[in-house]
Amino acid sequence: VAVRVRFDRETVSRRRGGRALYPSRREVRLLDDAGRTYLPSPEGLRALESMGAPQPPLSRPLRPGEAYVTRLVFDLPADARGRRLLIREKDLVTRFLIGHENSPFHPAVAFRVGNERSAP
């Protein structure tokens, strides 16, 4: 799964300058319609990187206007349908921030993955 990470320069004051922003720790999971959860595969990532494609970590700091693409690798069974990517902040304090995605009663926001077609 390719994930584009960016720091929109329009979201911060110009007085902030070009200092790097360090992201919070992230929790990454892939979910399917059967209720199964998959974590990124360290072996799959090593295989991808061994082909000469080093991947920047989601913890990489960014300056305003910068962006990068990183690839996440998951090992899934052939019958995994309705795949959705969930990326959430891992810091406990986010559970107490009103309106934050991790706060109580806020639904998780997941991104559909793949281009599945209905069975014939």
PDB file of N, CA and C in Angstrom:
ATOM      1  N   VAL A   1       0.860  -1.164   0.000  1.00  0.00           N
ATOM      2  CA  VAL A   1       0.000   0.000   0.000  1.00  0.00           C
ATOM      3  C   VAL A   1       0.903   1.222   0.000  1.00  0.00           C
ATOM      4  N   ALA A   2       0.718   2.114  -0.966  1.00  0.00           N
ATOM      5  CA  ALA A   2       1.494   3.352  -1.021  1.00  0.00           C
ATOM      6  C   ALA A   2       0.744   4.439  -0.256  1.00  0.00           C
ATOM      7  N   VAL A   3       1.437   5.110   0.644  1.00  0.00           N
ATOM      8  CA  VAL A   3       0.855   6.176   1.452  1.00  0.00           C
ATOM      9  C   VAL A   3       1.645   7.455   1.202  1.00  0.00           C
ATOM     10  N   ARG A   4       0.939   8.493   0.788  1.00  0.00           N
ATOM     11  CA  ARG A   4       1.588   9.795   0.578  1.00  0.00           C
ATOM     12  C   ARG A   4       1.436  10.609   1.850  1.00  0.00           C
ATOM     13  N   VAL A   5       2.545  11.085   2.380  1.00  0.00           N
ATOM     14  CA  VAL A   5       2.571  11.877   3.602  1.00  0.00           C
ATOM     15  C   VAL A   5       3.027  13.275   3.221  1.00  0.00           C
ATOM     16  N   ARG A   6       2.302  14.299   3.687  1.00  0.00           N
ATOM     17  CA  ARG A   6       2.705  15.650   3.331  1.00  0.00           C
ATOM     18  C   ARG A   6       2.432  16.624   4.473  1.00  0.00           C
ATOM     19  N   PHE A   7       3.124  17.744   4.437  1.00  0.00           N
ATOM     20  CA  PHE A   7       2.939  18.823   5.395  1.00  0.00           C
ATOM     21  C   PHE A   7       2.498  20.029   4.576  1.00  0.00           C
ATOM     22  N   ASP A   8       1.219  20.319   4.605  1.00  0.00           N
ATOM     23  CA  ASP A   8       0.651  21.422   3.839  1.00  0.00           C
ATOM     24  C   ASP A   8       1.110  22.739   4.446  1.00  0.00           C
ATOM     25  N   ARG A   9       1.875  23.508   3.694  1.00  0.00           N
ATOM     26  CA  ARG A   9       2.420  24.773   4.212  1.00  0.00           C
ATOM     27  C   ARG A   9       1.320  25.775   4.533  1.00  0.00           C
ATOM     28  N   GLU A  10       0.127  25.596   3.978  1.00  0.00           N
ATOM     29  CA  GLU A  10      -0.978  26.529   4.232  1.00  0.00           C
ATOM     30  C   GLU A  10      -1.629  26.307   5.595  1.00  0.00           C
ATOM     31  N   THR A  11      -1.259  25.251   6.311  1.00  0.00           N
ATOM     32  CA  THR A  11      -1.883  24.952   7.603  1.00  0.00           C
ATOM     33  C   THR A  11      -1.134  25.556   8.777  1.00  0.00           C
ATOM     34  N   VAL A  12      -0.032  26.253   8.521  1.00  0.00           N
ATOM     35  CA  VAL A  12       0.751  26.848   9.611  1.00  0.00           C
ATOM     36  C   VAL A  12       1.043  28.311   9.298  1.00  0.00           C
ATOM     37  N   SER A  13       1.317  29.066  10.319  1.00  0.00           N
ATOM     38  CA  SER A  13       1.656  30.471  10.166  1.00  0.00           C
ATOM     39  C   SER A  13       3.016  30.618   9.488  1.00  0.00           C
ATOM     40  N   ARG A  14       3.164  31.653   8.682  1.00  0.00           N
ATOM     41  CA  ARG A  14       4.457  31.922   8.035  1.00  0.00           C
ATOM     42  C   ARG A  14       5.525  32.241   9.077  1.00  0.00           C
ATOM     43  N   ARG A  15       5.097  32.757  10.229  1.00  0.00           N
ATOM     44  CA  ARG A  15       6.052  33.083  11.297  1.00  0.00           C
ATOM     45  C   ARG A  15       6.670  31.830  11.918  1.00  0.00           C
ATOM     46  N   ARG A  16       6.078  30.675  11.675  1.00  0.00           N
ATOM     47  CA  ARG A  16       6.604  29.428  12.229  1.00  0.00           C
ATOM     48  C   ARG A  16       7.979  29.115  11.657  1.00  0.00           C
ATOM     49  N   GLY A  17       8.196  29.537  10.422  1.00  0.00           N
ATOM     50  CA  GLY A  17       9.478  29.251   9.777  1.00  0.00           C
ATOM     51  C   GLY A  17       9.478  27.865   9.164  1.00  0.00           C
ATOM     52  N   GLY A  18      10.640  27.384   8.808  1.00  0.00           N
ATOM     53  CA  GLY A  18      10.761  26.109   8.118  1.00  0.00           C
ATOM     54  C   GLY A  18      11.210  24.956   8.989  1.00  0.00           C
ATOM     55  N   ARG A  19      11.026  25.090  10.293  1.00  0.00           N
ATOM     56  CA  ARG A  19      11.439  24.003  11.193  1.00  0.00           C
ATOM     57  C   ARG A  19      10.651  22.727  10.911  1.00  0.00           C
ATOM     58  N   ALA A  20      11.302  21.620  11.122  1.00  0.00           N
ATOM     59  CA  ALA A  20      10.668  20.323  10.884  1.00  0.00           C
ATOM     60  C   ALA A  20       9.614  20.027  11.949  1.00  0.00           C
ATOM     61  N   LEU A  21       8.563  19.338  11.532  1.00  0.00           N
ATOM     62  CA  LEU A  21       7.507  18.871  12.426  1.00  0.00           C
ATOM     63  C   LEU A  21       7.689  17.365  12.585  1.00  0.00           C
ATOM     64  N   TYR A  22       7.754  16.902  13.822  1.00  0.00           N
ATOM     65  CA  TYR A  22       7.920  15.480  14.097  1.00  0.00           C
ATOM     66  C   TYR A  22       6.550  14.881  14.368  1.00  0.00           C
ATOM     67  N   PRO A  23       6.122  13.914  13.575  1.00  0.00           N
ATOM     68  CA  PRO A  23       4.783  13.344  13.754  1.00  0.00           C
ATOM     69  C   PRO A  23       4.681  12.489  15.009  1.00  0.00           C
ATOM     70  N   SER A  24       3.457  12.325  15.464  1.00  0.00           N
ATOM     71  CA  SER A  24       3.188  11.431  16.592  1.00  0.00           C
ATOM     72  C   SER A  24       3.427   9.986  16.143  1.00  0.00           C
ATOM     73  N   ARG A  25       3.568   9.114  17.126  1.00  0.00           N
ATOM     74  CA  ARG A  25       3.690   7.685  16.805  1.00  0.00           C
ATOM     75  C   ARG A  25       2.396   7.224  16.152  1.00  0.00           C
ATOM     76  N   ARG A  26       2.511   6.302  15.219  1.00  0.00           N
ATOM     77  CA  ARG A  26       1.349   5.829  14.459  1.00  0.00           C
ATOM     78  C   ARG A  26       1.105   4.344  14.690  1.00  0.00           C
ATOM     79  N   GLU A  27      -0.166   3.992  14.601  1.00  0.00           N
ATOM     80  CA  GLU A  27      -0.592   2.599  14.621  1.00  0.00           C
ATOM     81  C   GLU A  27      -1.173   2.335  13.234  1.00  0.00           C
ATOM     82  N   VAL A  28      -0.651   1.322  12.546  1.00  0.00           N
ATOM     83  CA  VAL A  28      -1.083   1.015  11.185  1.00  0.00           C
ATOM     84  C   VAL A  28      -1.655  -0.391  11.162  1.00  0.00           C
ATOM     85  N   ARG A  29      -2.852  -0.530  10.587  1.00  0.00           N
ATOM     86  CA  ARG A  29      -3.505  -1.835  10.473  1.00  0.00           C
ATOM     87  C   ARG A  29      -4.267  -1.903   9.160  1.00  0.00           C
ATOM     88  N   LEU A  30      -4.421  -3.103   8.662  1.00  0.00           N
ATOM     89  CA  LEU A  30      -5.290  -3.344   7.519  1.00  0.00           C
ATOM     90  C   LEU A  30      -6.422  -4.222   8.030  1.00  0.00           C
ATOM     91  N   LEU A  31      -7.649  -3.858   7.711  1.00  0.00           N
ATOM     92  CA  LEU A  31      -8.830  -4.589   8.171  1.00  0.00           C
ATOM     93  C   LEU A  31      -9.520  -5.201   6.966  1.00  0.00           C
ATOM     94  N   ASP A  32     -10.272  -6.285   7.192  1.00  0.00           N
ATOM     95  CA  ASP A  32     -11.073  -6.837   6.100  1.00  0.00           C
ATOM     96  C   ASP A  32     -12.510  -7.033   6.563  1.00  0.00           C
ATOM     97  N   ASP A  33     -13.380  -7.382   5.616  1.00  0.00           N
ATOM     98  CA  ASP A  33     -14.806  -7.526   5.926  1.00  0.00           C
ATOM     99  C   ASP A  33     -15.108  -8.663   6.893  1.00  0.00           C
ATOM    100  N   ALA A  34     -14.203  -9.615   7.018  1.00  0.00           N
ATOM    101  CA  ALA A  34     -14.416 -10.736   7.931  1.00  0.00           C
ATOM    102  C   ALA A  34     -14.035 -10.370   9.367  1.00  0.00           C
ATOM    103  N   GLY A  35     -13.597  -9.109   9.578  1.00  0.00           N
ATOM    104  CA  GLY A  35     -13.226  -8.676  10.923  1.00  0.00           C
ATOM    105  C   GLY A  35     -11.790  -8.989  11.296  1.00  0.00           C
ATOM    106  N   ARG A  36     -11.015  -9.473  10.342  1.00  0.00           N
ATOM    107  CA  ARG A  36      -9.615  -9.781  10.623  1.00  0.00           C
ATOM    108  C   ARG A  36      -8.774  -8.511  10.524  1.00  0.00           C
ATOM    109  N   THR A  37      -7.694  -8.489  11.301  1.00  0.00           N
ATOM    110  CA  THR A  37      -6.767  -7.362  11.337  1.00  0.00           C
ATOM    111  C   THR A  37      -5.379  -7.850  10.967  1.00  0.00           C
ATOM    112  N   TYR A  38      -4.684  -7.067  10.134  1.00  0.00           N
ATOM    113  CA  TYR A  38      -3.339  -7.415   9.686  1.00  0.00           C
ATOM    114  C   TYR A  38      -2.402  -6.256  10.000  1.00  0.00           C
ATOM    115  N   LEU A  39      -1.248  -6.588  10.530  1.00  0.00           N
ATOM    116  CA  LEU A  39      -0.211  -5.597  10.806  1.00  0.00           C
ATOM    117  C   LEU A  39       0.772  -5.581   9.646  1.00  0.00           C
ATOM    118  N   PRO A  40       1.514  -4.478   9.478  1.00  0.00           N
ATOM    119  CA  PRO A  40       2.532  -4.460   8.418  1.00  0.00           C
ATOM    120  C   PRO A  40       3.521  -5.613   8.594  1.00  0.00           C
ATOM    121  N   SER A  41       3.985  -6.142   7.475  1.00  0.00           N
ATOM    122  CA  SER A  41       4.889  -7.282   7.476  1.00  0.00           C
ATOM    123  C   SER A  41       6.344  -6.815   7.427  1.00  0.00           C
ATOM    124  N   PRO A  42       7.107  -7.020   8.510  1.00  0.00           N
ATOM    125  CA  PRO A  42       8.523  -6.653   8.482  1.00  0.00           C
ATOM    126  C   PRO A  42       9.280  -7.427   7.400  1.00  0.00           C
ATOM    127  N   GLU A  43       8.912  -8.702   7.194  1.00  0.00           N
ATOM    128  CA  GLU A  43       9.573  -9.506   6.171  1.00  0.00           C
ATOM    129  C   GLU A  43       9.274  -8.965   4.776  1.00  0.00           C
ATOM    130  N   GLY A  44       8.028  -8.568   4.543  1.00  0.00           N
ATOM    131  CA  GLY A  44       7.655  -7.998   3.251  1.00  0.00           C
ATOM    132  C   GLY A  44       8.373  -6.687   2.988  1.00  0.00           C
ATOM    133  N   LEU A  45       8.504  -5.856   4.014  1.00  0.00           N
ATOM    134  CA  LEU A  45       9.214  -4.592   3.865  1.00  0.00           C
ATOM    135  C   LEU A  45      10.689  -4.837   3.560  1.00  0.00           C
ATOM    136  N   ARG A  46      11.303  -5.798   4.258  1.00  0.00           N
ATOM    137  CA  ARG A  46      12.710  -6.133   3.979  1.00  0.00           C
ATOM    138  C   ARG A  46      12.878  -6.617   2.545  1.00  0.00           C
ATOM    139  N   ALA A  47      11.926  -7.415   2.054  1.00  0.00           N
ATOM    140  CA  ALA A  47      11.991  -7.905   0.674  1.00  0.00           C
ATOM    141  C   ALA A  47      11.887  -6.745  -0.308  1.00  0.00           C
ATOM    142  N   LEU A  48      10.991  -5.810  -0.056  1.00  0.00           N
ATOM    143  CA  LEU A  48      10.849  -4.642  -0.915  1.00  0.00           C
ATOM    144  C   LEU A  48      12.128  -3.811  -0.914  1.00  0.00           C
ATOM    145  N   GLU A  49      12.679  -3.590   0.258  1.00  0.00           N
ATOM    146  CA  GLU A  49      13.899  -2.791   0.360  1.00  0.00           C
ATOM    147  C   GLU A  49      15.111  -3.504  -0.236  1.00  0.00           C
ATOM    148  N   SER A  50      15.109  -4.836  -0.211  1.00  0.00           N
ATOM    149  CA  SER A  50      16.232  -5.584  -0.802  1.00  0.00           C
ATOM    150  C   SER A  50      16.255  -5.441  -2.322  1.00  0.00           C
ATOM    151  N   MET A  51      15.139  -5.007  -2.919  1.00  0.00           N
ATOM    152  CA  MET A  51      15.076  -4.778  -4.360  1.00  0.00           C
ATOM    153  C   MET A  51      15.491  -3.346  -4.700  1.00  0.00           C
ATOM    154  N   GLY A  52      16.094  -2.658  -3.716  1.00  0.00           N
ATOM    155  CA  GLY A  52      16.588  -1.312  -3.957  1.00  0.00           C
ATOM    156  C   GLY A  52      15.548  -0.233  -3.790  1.00  0.00           C
ATOM    157  N   ALA A  53      14.535  -0.491  -2.974  1.00  0.00           N
ATOM    158  CA  ALA A  53      13.473   0.498  -2.765  1.00  0.00           C
ATOM    159  C   ALA A  53      13.336   0.817  -1.278  1.00  0.00           C
ATOM    160  N   PRO A  54      14.315   1.536  -0.687  1.00  0.00           N
ATOM    161  CA  PRO A  54      14.201   1.872   0.739  1.00  0.00           C
ATOM    162  C   PRO A  54      12.978   2.752   0.983  1.00  0.00           C
ATOM    163  N   GLN A  55      12.270   2.477   2.054  1.00  0.00           N
ATOM    164  CA  GLN A  55      11.025   3.184   2.357  1.00  0.00           C
ATOM    165  C   GLN A  55      11.210   4.094   3.569  1.00  0.00           C
ATOM    166  N   PRO A  56      10.842   5.374   3.430  1.00  0.00           N
ATOM    167  CA  PRO A  56      10.933   6.257   4.594  1.00  0.00           C
ATOM    168  C   PRO A  56       9.900   5.843   5.639  1.00  0.00           C
ATOM    169  N   PRO A  57      10.245   5.926   6.912  1.00  0.00           N
ATOM    170  CA  PRO A  57       9.282   5.562   7.965  1.00  0.00           C
ATOM    171  C   PRO A  57       8.224   6.650   8.135  1.00  0.00           C
ATOM    172  N   LEU A  58       7.064   6.274   8.657  1.00  0.00           N
ATOM    173  CA  LEU A  58       6.010   7.249   8.930  1.00  0.00           C
ATOM    174  C   LEU A  58       6.418   8.234  10.022  1.00  0.00           C
ATOM    175  N   SER A  59       7.511   7.963  10.711  1.00  0.00           N
ATOM    176  CA  SER A  59       8.005   8.848  11.764  1.00  0.00           C
ATOM    177  C   SER A  59       8.945   9.921  11.224  1.00  0.00           C
ATOM    178  N   ARG A  60       9.168   9.947   9.919  1.00  0.00           N
ATOM    179  CA  ARG A  60      10.091  10.919   9.320  1.00  0.00           C
ATOM    180  C   ARG A  60       9.560  12.346   9.524  1.00  0.00           C
ATOM    181  N   PRO A  61      10.403  13.257  10.030  1.00  0.00           N
ATOM    182  CA  PRO A  61       9.962  14.645  10.197  1.00  0.00           C
ATOM    183  C   PRO A  61       9.841  15.348   8.847  1.00  0.00           C
ATOM    184  N   LEU A  62       8.938  16.326   8.779  1.00  0.00           N
ATOM    185  CA  LEU A  62       8.709  17.088   7.554  1.00  0.00           C
ATOM    186  C   LEU A  62       8.762  18.583   7.834  1.00  0.00           C
ATOM    187  N   ARG A  63       9.232  19.318   6.859  1.00  0.00           N
ATOM    188  CA  ARG A  63       9.180  20.778   6.891  1.00  0.00           C
ATOM    189  C   ARG A  63       7.952  21.218   6.076  1.00  0.00           C
ATOM    190  N   PRO A  64       7.441  22.421   6.321  1.00  0.00           N
ATOM    191  CA  PRO A  64       6.282  22.890   5.550  1.00  0.00           C
ATOM    192  C   PRO A  64       6.530  22.780   4.051  1.00  0.00           C
ATOM    193  N   GLY A  65       5.563  22.182   3.357  1.00  0.00           N
ATOM    194  CA  GLY A  65       5.645  22.016   1.911  1.00  0.00           C
ATOM    195  C   GLY A  65       6.274  20.710   1.468  1.00  0.00           C
ATOM    196  N   GLU A  66       6.882  19.957   2.373  1.00  0.00           N
ATOM    197  CA  GLU A  66       7.519  18.683   2.001  1.00  0.00           C
ATOM    198  C   GLU A  66       6.496  17.554   1.955  1.00  0.00           C
ATOM    199  N   ALA A  67       6.836  16.523   1.184  1.00  0.00           N
ATOM    200  CA  ALA A  67       5.994  15.324   1.081  1.00  0.00           C
ATOM    201  C   ALA A  67       6.873  14.143   0.713  1.00  0.00           C
ATOM    202  N   TYR A  68       6.393  12.951   0.984  1.00  0.00           N
ATOM    203  CA  TYR A  68       7.069  11.728   0.556  1.00  0.00           C
ATOM    204  C   TYR A  68       6.040  10.623   0.432  1.00  0.00           C
ATOM    205  N   VAL A  69       6.417   9.564  -0.255  1.00  0.00           N
ATOM    206  CA  VAL A  69       5.574   8.379  -0.382  1.00  0.00           C
ATOM    207  C   VAL A  69       6.321   7.226   0.263  1.00  0.00           C
ATOM    208  N   THR A  70       5.624   6.479   1.081  1.00  0.00           N
ATOM    209  CA  THR A  70       6.200   5.268   1.653  1.00  0.00           C
ATOM    210  C   THR A  70       5.254   4.115   1.350  1.00  0.00           C
ATOM    211  N   ARG A  71       5.791   2.943   1.256  1.00  0.00           N
ATOM    212  CA  ARG A  71       4.981   1.760   0.975  1.00  0.00           C
ATOM    213  C   ARG A  71       4.947   0.865   2.202  1.00  0.00           C
ATOM    214  N   LEU A  72       3.756   0.393   2.494  1.00  0.00           N
ATOM    215  CA  LEU A  72       3.541  -0.536   3.601  1.00  0.00           C
ATOM    216  C   LEU A  72       3.207  -1.895   2.991  1.00  0.00           C
ATOM    217  N   VAL A  73       3.751  -2.945   3.552  1.00  0.00           N
ATOM    218  CA  VAL A  73       3.553  -4.293   3.020  1.00  0.00           C
ATOM    219  C   VAL A  73       2.778  -5.115   4.040  1.00  0.00           C
ATOM    220  N   PHE A  74       1.745  -5.800   3.555  1.00  0.00           N
ATOM    221  CA  PHE A  74       0.925  -6.666   4.400  1.00  0.00           C
ATOM    222  C   PHE A  74       0.851  -8.042   3.759  1.00  0.00           C
ATOM    223  N   ASP A  75       0.886  -9.086   4.573  1.00  0.00           N
ATOM    224  CA  ASP A  75       0.674 -10.454   4.091  1.00  0.00           C
ATOM    225  C   ASP A  75      -0.785 -10.798   4.357  1.00  0.00           C
ATOM    226  N   LEU A  76      -1.551 -10.972   3.278  1.00  0.00           N
ATOM    227  CA  LEU A  76      -2.985 -11.241   3.404  1.00  0.00           C
ATOM    228  C   LEU A  76      -3.340 -12.583   2.785  1.00  0.00           C
ATOM    229  N   PRO A  77      -4.349 -13.239   3.326  1.00  0.00           N
ATOM    230  CA  PRO A  77      -4.844 -14.456   2.670  1.00  0.00           C
ATOM    231  C   PRO A  77      -5.595 -14.077   1.391  1.00  0.00           C
ATOM    232  N   ALA A  78      -5.706 -15.001   0.465  1.00  0.00           N
ATOM    233  CA  ALA A  78      -6.352 -14.735  -0.824  1.00  0.00           C
ATOM    234  C   ALA A  78      -7.823 -14.348  -0.666  1.00  0.00           C
ATOM    235  N   ASP A  79      -8.458 -14.770   0.434  1.00  0.00           N
ATOM    236  CA  ASP A  79      -9.891 -14.488   0.596  1.00  0.00           C
ATOM    237  C   ASP A  79     -10.175 -13.172   1.334  1.00  0.00           C
ATOM    238  N   ALA A  80      -9.168 -12.350   1.569  1.00  0.00           N
ATOM    239  CA  ALA A  80      -9.371 -11.067   2.266  1.00  0.00           C
ATOM    240  C   ALA A  80     -10.118 -10.109   1.335  1.00  0.00           C
ATOM    241  N   ARG A  81     -11.330  -9.741   1.711  1.00  0.00           N
ATOM    242  CA  ARG A  81     -12.168  -8.845   0.915  1.00  0.00           C
ATOM    243  C   ARG A  81     -12.487  -7.586   1.719  1.00  0.00           C
ATOM    244  N   GLY A  82     -12.820  -6.519   1.016  1.00  0.00           N
ATOM    245  CA  GLY A  82     -13.193  -5.286   1.701  1.00  0.00           C
ATOM    246  C   GLY A  82     -12.048  -4.717   2.517  1.00  0.00           C
ATOM    247  N   ARG A  83     -10.880  -4.694   1.938  1.00  0.00           N
ATOM    248  CA  ARG A  83      -9.687  -4.246   2.672  1.00  0.00           C
ATOM    249  C   ARG A  83      -9.726  -2.738   2.914  1.00  0.00           C
ATOM    250  N   ARG A  84      -9.384  -2.359   4.163  1.00  0.00           N
ATOM    251  CA  ARG A  84      -9.354  -0.957   4.552  1.00  0.00           C
ATOM    252  C   ARG A  84      -8.102  -0.690   5.379  1.00  0.00           C
ATOM    253  N   LEU A  85      -7.445   0.442   5.080  1.00  0.00           N
ATOM    254  CA  LEU A  85      -6.243   0.836   5.799  1.00  0.00           C
ATOM    255  C   LEU A  85      -6.623   1.811   6.900  1.00  0.00           C
ATOM    256  N   LEU A  86      -6.138   1.542   8.099  1.00  0.00           N
ATOM    257  CA  LEU A  86      -6.393   2.395   9.252  1.00  0.00           C
ATOM    258  C   LEU A  86      -5.042   2.874   9.782  1.00  0.00           C
ATOM    259  N   ILE A  87      -4.868   4.188   9.827  1.00  0.00           N
ATOM    260  CA  ILE A  87      -3.662   4.793  10.395  1.00  0.00           C
ATOM    261  C   ILE A  87      -4.126   5.737  11.487  1.00  0.00           C
ATOM    262  N   ARG A  88      -3.706   5.468  12.718  1.00  0.00           N
ATOM    263  CA  ARG A  88      -4.144   6.282  13.856  1.00  0.00           C
ATOM    264  C   ARG A  88      -2.940   6.720  14.675  1.00  0.00           C
ATOM    265  N   GLU A  89      -3.116   7.832  15.383  1.00  0.00           N
ATOM    266  CA  GLU A  89      -2.085   8.264  16.317  1.00  0.00           C
ATOM    267  C   GLU A  89      -2.087   7.306  17.498  1.00  0.00           C
ATOM    268  N   LYS A  90      -0.912   7.010  17.992  1.00  0.00           N
ATOM    269  CA  LYS A  90      -0.774   6.025  19.060  1.00  0.00           C
ATOM    270  C   LYS A  90      -0.685   6.666  20.448  1.00  0.00           C
ATOM    271  N   ASP A  91      -0.490   7.984  20.502  1.00  0.00           N
ATOM    272  CA  ASP A  91      -0.309   8.646  21.791  1.00  0.00           C
ATOM    273  C   ASP A  91      -1.608   8.641  22.600  1.00  0.00           C
ATOM    274  N   LEU A  92      -1.521   8.255  23.850  1.00  0.00           N
ATOM    275  CA  LEU A  92      -2.674   8.122  24.733  1.00  0.00           C
ATOM    276  C   LEU A  92      -3.443   9.434  24.892  1.00  0.00           C
ATOM    277  N   VAL A  93      -2.758  10.554  24.909  1.00  0.00           N
ATOM    278  CA  VAL A  93      -3.415  11.843  25.134  1.00  0.00           C
ATOM    279  C   VAL A  93      -4.491  12.115  24.083  1.00  0.00           C
ATOM    280  N   THR A  94      -4.359  11.565  22.878  1.00  0.00           N
ATOM    281  CA  THR A  94      -5.348  11.824  21.824  1.00  0.00           C
ATOM    282  C   THR A  94      -6.719  11.255  22.173  1.00  0.00           C
ATOM    283  N   ARG A  95      -6.786  10.302  23.076  1.00  0.00           N
ATOM    284  CA  ARG A  95      -8.075   9.726  23.481  1.00  0.00           C
ATOM    285  C   ARG A  95      -8.892  10.701  24.332  1.00  0.00           C
ATOM    286  N   PHE A  96      -8.232  11.738  24.839  1.00  0.00           N
ATOM    287  CA  PHE A  96      -8.901  12.704  25.716  1.00  0.00           C
ATOM    288  C   PHE A  96      -9.160  14.045  25.040  1.00  0.00           C
ATOM    289  N   LEU A  97      -8.802  14.177  23.770  1.00  0.00           N
ATOM    290  CA  LEU A  97      -9.017  15.425  23.039  1.00  0.00           C
ATOM    291  C   LEU A  97     -10.390  15.391  22.369  1.00  0.00           C
ATOM    292  N   ILE A  98     -11.248  16.314  22.720  1.00  0.00           N
ATOM    293  CA  ILE A  98     -12.604  16.360  22.170  1.00  0.00           C
ATOM    294  C   ILE A  98     -12.528  16.562  20.663  1.00  0.00           C
ATOM    295  N   GLY A  99     -13.229  15.717  19.923  1.00  0.00           N
ATOM    296  CA  GLY A  99     -13.266  15.817  18.479  1.00  0.00           C
ATOM    297  C   GLY A  99     -12.135  15.098  17.766  1.00  0.00           C
ATOM    298  N   HIS A 100     -11.146  14.613  18.489  1.00  0.00           N
ATOM    299  CA  HIS A 100     -10.048  13.885  17.860  1.00  0.00           C
ATOM    300  C   HIS A 100     -10.545  12.524  17.390  1.00  0.00           C
ATOM    301  N   GLU A 101      -9.965  12.028  16.317  1.00  0.00           N
ATOM    302  CA  GLU A 101     -10.381  10.732  15.778  1.00  0.00           C
ATOM    303  C   GLU A 101     -10.284   9.609  16.806  1.00  0.00           C
ATOM    304  N   ASN A 102      -9.370   9.715  17.750  1.00  0.00           N
ATOM    305  CA  ASN A 102      -9.206   8.670  18.768  1.00  0.00           C
ATOM    306  C   ASN A 102     -10.099   8.874  19.985  1.00  0.00           C
ATOM    307  N   SER A 103     -10.855   9.973  20.038  1.00  0.00           N
ATOM    308  CA  SER A 103     -11.685  10.228  21.206  1.00  0.00           C
ATOM    309  C   SER A 103     -12.898   9.285  21.211  1.00  0.00           C
ATOM    310  N   PRO A 104     -13.482   9.085  22.390  1.00  0.00           N
ATOM    311  CA  PRO A 104     -14.647   8.202  22.476  1.00  0.00           C
ATOM    312  C   PRO A 104     -15.781   8.685  21.567  1.00  0.00           C
ATOM    313  N   PHE A 105     -16.507   7.753  21.021  1.00  0.00           N
ATOM    314  CA  PHE A 105     -17.681   7.997  20.176  1.00  0.00           C
ATOM    315  C   PHE A 105     -17.346   8.520  18.769  1.00  0.00           C
ATOM    316  N   HIS A 106     -16.075   8.712  18.458  1.00  0.00           N
ATOM    317  CA  HIS A 106     -15.706   9.151  17.103  1.00  0.00           C
ATOM    318  C   HIS A 106     -15.393   7.901  16.287  1.00  0.00           C
ATOM    319  N   PRO A 107     -16.050   7.724  15.155  1.00  0.00           N
ATOM    320  CA  PRO A 107     -15.777   6.515  14.362  1.00  0.00           C
ATOM    321  C   PRO A 107     -14.385   6.562  13.742  1.00  0.00           C
ATOM    322  N   ALA A 108     -13.806   5.406  13.560  1.00  0.00           N
ATOM    323  CA  ALA A 108     -12.501   5.313  12.912  1.00  0.00           C
ATOM    324  C   ALA A 108     -12.657   5.639  11.430  1.00  0.00           C
ATOM    325  N   VAL A 109     -11.665   6.308  10.874  1.00  0.00           N
ATOM    326  CA  VAL A 109     -11.667   6.641   9.458  1.00  0.00           C
ATOM    327  C   VAL A 109     -10.655   5.727   8.774  1.00  0.00           C
ATOM    328  N   ALA A 110     -11.145   4.867   7.896  1.00  0.00           N
ATOM    329  CA  ALA A 110     -10.276   3.923   7.200  1.00  0.00           C
ATOM    330  C   ALA A 110     -10.380   4.175   5.699  1.00  0.00           C
ATOM    331  N   PHE A 111      -9.309   3.872   4.971  1.00  0.00           N
ATOM    332  CA  PHE A 111      -9.245   4.080   3.530  1.00  0.00           C
ATOM    333  C   PHE A 111      -9.344   2.749   2.805  1.00  0.00           C
ATOM    334  N   ARG A 112     -10.229   2.665   1.806  1.00  0.00           N
ATOM    335  CA  ARG A 112     -10.337   1.438   1.013  1.00  0.00           C
ATOM    336  C   ARG A 112      -9.030   1.178   0.285  1.00  0.00           C
ATOM    337  N   VAL A 113      -8.655  -0.091   0.210  1.00  0.00           N
ATOM    338  CA  VAL A 113      -7.414  -0.491  -0.432  1.00  0.00           C
ATOM    339  C   VAL A 113      -7.731  -1.492  -1.538  1.00  0.00           C
ATOM    340  N   GLY A 114      -7.147  -1.277  -2.698  1.00  0.00           N
ATOM    341  CA  GLY A 114      -7.325  -2.224  -3.798  1.00  0.00           C
ATOM    342  C   GLY A 114      -8.481  -1.844  -4.683  1.00  0.00           C
ATOM    343  N   ASN A 115      -8.650  -2.642  -5.731  1.00  0.00           N
ATOM    344  CA  ASN A 115      -9.718  -2.385  -6.702  1.00  0.00           C
ATOM    345  C   ASN A 115     -10.521  -3.659  -6.903  1.00  0.00           C
ATOM    346  N   GLU A 116     -11.130  -4.120  -5.827  1.00  0.00           N
ATOM    347  CA  GLU A 116     -11.910  -5.360  -5.886  1.00  0.00           C
ATOM    348  C   GLU A 116     -13.107  -5.220  -6.795  1.00  0.00           C
ATOM    349  N   ARG A 117     -13.463  -6.321  -7.388  1.00  0.00           N
ATOM    350  CA  ARG A 117     -14.675  -6.388  -8.208  1.00  0.00           C
ATOM    351  C   ARG A 117     -15.584  -7.422  -7.608  1.00  0.00           C
ATOM    352  N   SER A 118     -16.862  -7.261  -7.834  1.00  0.00           N
ATOM    353  CA  SER A 118     -17.825  -8.240  -7.325  1.00  0.00           C
ATOM    354  C   SER A 118     -17.624  -9.575  -8.031  1.00  0.00           C
ATOM    355  N   ALA A 119     -17.895 -10.639  -7.303  1.00  0.00           N
ATOM    356  CA  ALA A 119     -17.787 -11.980  -7.886  1.00  0.00           C
ATOM    357  C   ALA A 119     -18.849 -12.142  -8.974  1.00  0.00           C
ATOM    358  N   PRO A 120     -18.545 -12.863 -10.076  1.00  0.00           N
ATOM    359  CA  PRO A 120     -19.522 -13.035 -11.165  1.00  0.00           C
ATOM    360  C   PRO A 120     -20.731 -13.843 -10.742  1.00  0.00           C
TER     361      PRO A 120
END
